[in-house]
N, C-alpha and C. Protein backbone atom coordinates (compact mmCIF):
# COMPACT_ATOMS: atom_id res chain seq x y z
N UNK A 1 0.92 -1.21 -0.07
CA UNK A 1 -0.17 0.03 0.19
C UNK A 1 0.92 1.05 -0.15
N UNK A 2 0.40 1.95 -0.86
CA UNK A 2 1.49 3.48 -0.95
C UNK A 2 0.55 4.61 -0.74
N UNK A 3 0.94 5.75 -0.51
CA UNK A 3 0.26 7.03 -0.82
C UNK A 3 0.95 7.95 0.12
N UNK A 4 0.18 9.02 0.19
CA UNK A 4 0.91 10.63 0.61
C UNK A 4 0.79 10.11 2.41
N UNK A 5 -0.12 9.36 3.01
CA UNK A 5 -0.17 9.22 4.28
C UNK A 5 1.23 8.29 4.63
N UNK A 6 1.47 7.21 4.06
CA UNK A 6 3.01 6.52 4.58
C UNK A 6 4.12 7.11 4.12
N UNK A 7 5.15 7.17 5.27
CA UNK A 7 6.20 7.46 5.11
C UNK A 7 7.19 6.62 4.23
N UNK A 8 8.06 7.36 3.52
CA UNK A 8 9.15 6.58 2.47
C UNK A 8 10.20 6.36 3.34
N UNK A 9 10.48 4.82 3.37
CA UNK A 9 11.47 3.90 4.16
C UNK A 9 12.72 3.92 3.05
N UNK A 10 13.86 4.38 3.44
CA UNK A 10 14.64 4.30 2.57
C UNK A 10 15.57 2.75 2.90
N UNK A 11 16.27 2.20 1.96
CA UNK A 11 16.78 0.98 2.17
C UNK A 11 17.85 0.90 3.38
N UNK A 12 18.37 1.65 3.52
CA UNK A 12 19.66 1.99 4.49
C UNK A 12 19.21 3.09 5.48
N UNK A 13 18.89 2.60 6.71
CA UNK A 13 18.31 3.35 7.57
C UNK A 13 19.26 2.82 8.86
N UNK A 14 19.76 3.72 9.67
CA UNK A 14 20.39 3.28 11.34
C UNK A 14 19.27 2.93 11.99
N UNK A 15 19.59 1.69 12.88
CA UNK A 15 18.98 1.13 13.51
C UNK A 15 18.31 2.08 14.81
N UNK A 16 18.75 3.40 15.21
CA UNK A 16 18.23 4.36 16.02
C UNK A 16 17.06 4.82 15.30
N UNK A 17 17.34 5.41 13.98
CA UNK A 17 16.26 6.11 13.22
C UNK A 17 15.01 5.13 13.13
N UNK A 18 15.21 3.51 12.75
CA UNK A 18 13.83 2.93 12.57
C UNK A 18 13.42 2.77 14.03
N UNK A 19 13.84 2.32 15.17
CA UNK A 19 13.54 2.67 16.59
C UNK A 19 12.76 3.97 16.77
N UNK A 20 12.96 4.96 16.30
CA UNK A 20 12.64 6.29 16.51
C UNK A 20 11.39 6.44 15.76
N UNK A 21 11.29 5.77 14.52
CA UNK A 21 9.94 5.59 13.78
C UNK A 21 9.07 4.82 14.20
N UNK A 22 9.36 3.76 14.97
CA UNK A 22 8.82 2.80 15.31
C UNK A 22 7.80 3.57 16.58
N UNK A 23 8.75 4.30 17.33
CA UNK A 23 8.28 4.93 18.69
C UNK A 23 7.22 5.97 18.31
N UNK A 24 7.52 6.71 17.59
CA UNK A 24 6.64 7.63 16.89
C UNK A 24 5.22 6.97 16.32
N UNK A 25 5.51 6.15 15.46
CA UNK A 25 4.37 5.41 15.06
C UNK A 25 3.30 5.03 16.04
N UNK A 26 3.91 4.42 17.11
CA UNK A 26 3.14 4.01 18.43
C UNK A 26 2.54 4.86 19.13
N UNK A 27 2.95 6.33 19.25
CA UNK A 27 2.40 7.52 19.94
C UNK A 27 1.12 7.71 18.87
N UNK A 28 1.37 7.94 17.33
CA UNK A 28 0.03 8.28 16.69
C UNK A 28 -0.86 7.08 16.80
N UNK A 29 -0.46 5.92 16.83
CA UNK A 29 -1.43 4.78 16.97
C UNK A 29 -2.22 4.97 18.45
N UNK A 30 -1.59 5.49 19.34
CA UNK A 30 -2.25 5.59 20.75
C UNK A 30 -3.38 7.03 20.82
N UNK A 31 -2.89 8.12 19.93
CA UNK A 31 -3.47 9.05 19.61
C UNK A 31 -4.75 8.74 18.81
N UNK A 32 -4.48 7.83 17.84
CA UNK A 32 -5.58 7.57 17.18
C UNK A 32 -6.62 6.60 18.01
N UNK A 33 -6.27 6.01 18.68
CA UNK A 33 -7.42 5.27 19.71
C UNK A 33 -8.01 5.96 20.55
N UNK A 34 -7.66 7.13 21.14
CA UNK A 34 -8.26 8.09 21.89
C UNK A 34 -8.96 9.18 21.28
N UNK A 35 -8.82 9.24 19.83
CA UNK A 35 -9.46 10.06 19.33
C UNK A 35 -8.81 11.38 19.27
N UNK A 36 -7.34 11.66 19.51
CA UNK A 36 -7.11 12.97 19.90
C UNK A 36 -6.14 13.22 18.51
N UNK A 37 -5.72 14.64 18.35
CA UNK A 37 -4.99 14.76 17.23
C UNK A 37 -3.63 14.82 17.55
N UNK A 38 -2.98 14.37 16.76
CA UNK A 38 -0.96 14.05 16.98
C UNK A 38 -0.55 14.64 15.73
N UNK A 39 0.67 15.05 16.00
CA UNK A 39 1.79 15.69 15.28
C UNK A 39 2.89 15.10 15.92
N UNK A 40 3.84 14.41 15.58
CA UNK A 40 5.03 14.11 16.24
C UNK A 40 6.10 13.93 15.28
N UNK A 41 7.49 13.67 15.35
CA UNK A 41 8.45 13.33 14.57
C UNK A 41 9.92 13.60 15.35
N UNK A 42 10.86 13.50 14.44
CA UNK A 42 12.17 13.74 14.85
C UNK A 42 12.87 14.25 13.55
N UNK A 43 14.14 14.57 13.69
CA UNK A 43 15.43 15.08 12.91
C UNK A 43 16.28 14.27 13.03
N UNK A 44 16.62 13.36 12.23
CA UNK A 44 17.99 12.68 12.33
C UNK A 44 19.23 13.33 12.35
N UNK A 45 20.09 12.47 12.63
CA UNK A 45 21.47 13.41 12.62
C UNK A 45 21.99 13.80 11.05
N UNK A 46 21.48 12.99 10.32
CA UNK A 46 21.65 13.59 9.03
C UNK A 46 21.08 14.62 8.14
N UNK A 47 19.80 15.09 8.98
CA UNK A 47 19.02 15.81 8.53
C UNK A 47 17.87 15.41 8.12
N UNK A 48 17.52 14.30 7.95
CA UNK A 48 16.13 14.10 7.45
C UNK A 48 15.24 14.10 8.46
N UNK A 49 14.03 14.48 8.15
CA UNK A 49 12.92 14.76 8.89
C UNK A 49 12.03 13.58 8.51
N UNK A 50 11.66 13.17 9.66
CA UNK A 50 10.21 12.15 9.88
C UNK A 50 9.25 12.73 10.61
N UNK A 51 8.13 12.91 9.99
CA UNK A 51 6.81 13.71 10.54
C UNK A 51 5.69 12.59 10.40
N UNK A 52 4.99 12.47 11.73
CA UNK A 52 3.63 11.87 11.15
C UNK A 52 2.43 12.25 11.95
N UNK A 53 1.19 12.32 11.46
CA UNK A 53 0.56 13.16 11.92
C UNK A 53 -0.82 12.43 11.40
N UNK A 54 -1.99 12.56 12.29
CA UNK A 54 -3.16 12.31 12.15
C UNK A 54 -4.10 13.39 11.94
N UNK A 55 -3.84 14.52 11.63
CA UNK A 55 -4.39 15.83 11.50
C UNK A 55 -4.21 16.24 10.08
N UNK A 56 -5.20 17.19 9.54
CA UNK A 56 -5.29 17.34 8.17
C UNK A 56 -4.19 18.45 8.14
N UNK A 57 -3.79 18.59 6.73
CA UNK A 57 -2.57 19.42 6.42
C UNK A 57 -2.87 20.91 7.08
N UNK A 58 -3.93 21.38 6.98
CA UNK A 58 -3.87 22.85 7.41
C UNK A 58 -3.42 23.11 8.75
N UNK A 59 -3.99 22.19 9.55
CA UNK A 59 -3.80 22.08 11.09
C UNK A 59 -2.14 21.76 11.24
N UNK A 60 -1.94 20.90 10.69
CA UNK A 60 -0.39 20.28 10.76
C UNK A 60 0.62 21.78 10.61
N UNK A 61 0.34 22.52 9.42
CA UNK A 61 0.89 23.97 9.07
C UNK A 61 0.66 24.91 10.35
N UNK A 62 -0.19 25.01 10.99
CA UNK A 62 -0.37 25.85 11.77
C UNK A 62 0.33 25.44 13.28
N UNK A 63 0.49 24.09 13.13
CA UNK A 63 0.96 23.89 14.70
C UNK A 63 2.59 23.45 14.76
N UNK A 64 3.05 23.33 13.34
CA UNK A 64 4.49 22.91 13.16
C UNK A 64 5.21 24.09 13.27
N UNK A 65 6.37 23.71 13.96
CA UNK A 65 7.40 25.17 14.29
C UNK A 65 8.06 25.18 12.51
N UNK A 66 8.17 26.38 12.54
CA UNK A 66 8.74 27.10 10.95
C UNK A 66 10.18 26.14 10.92
N UNK A 67 10.95 25.82 11.91
CA UNK A 67 12.01 25.12 11.32
C UNK A 67 11.79 23.59 10.74
N UNK A 68 10.81 23.44 11.35
CA UNK A 68 10.53 21.73 10.60
C UNK A 68 9.62 21.86 9.36
N UNK A 69 9.07 22.89 9.12
CA UNK A 69 8.41 22.91 7.83
C UNK A 69 8.83 22.48 6.77
C-alpha cells in the first residue's frame, strides 16, 4: 500500500532511526485510539525529517514549528 499518508522508508537506515520511527508510530496509534490529534516526529543526525500526523494538512501547518516545515 502506498500513498501520501505513508512514510518513505529508504533501504539504508540506522537502527536508531528505525527505532525512533517505530516509537513515533506507536504514539500516533495511541492518539488514534483516544481520538485526539497528533503530530510528532524527529530530525535525524543527517538532517532527514520524519513527521507523522493524524491531522489535516492545514492544522499541521499551524502547529508545526517553522524550522520543521
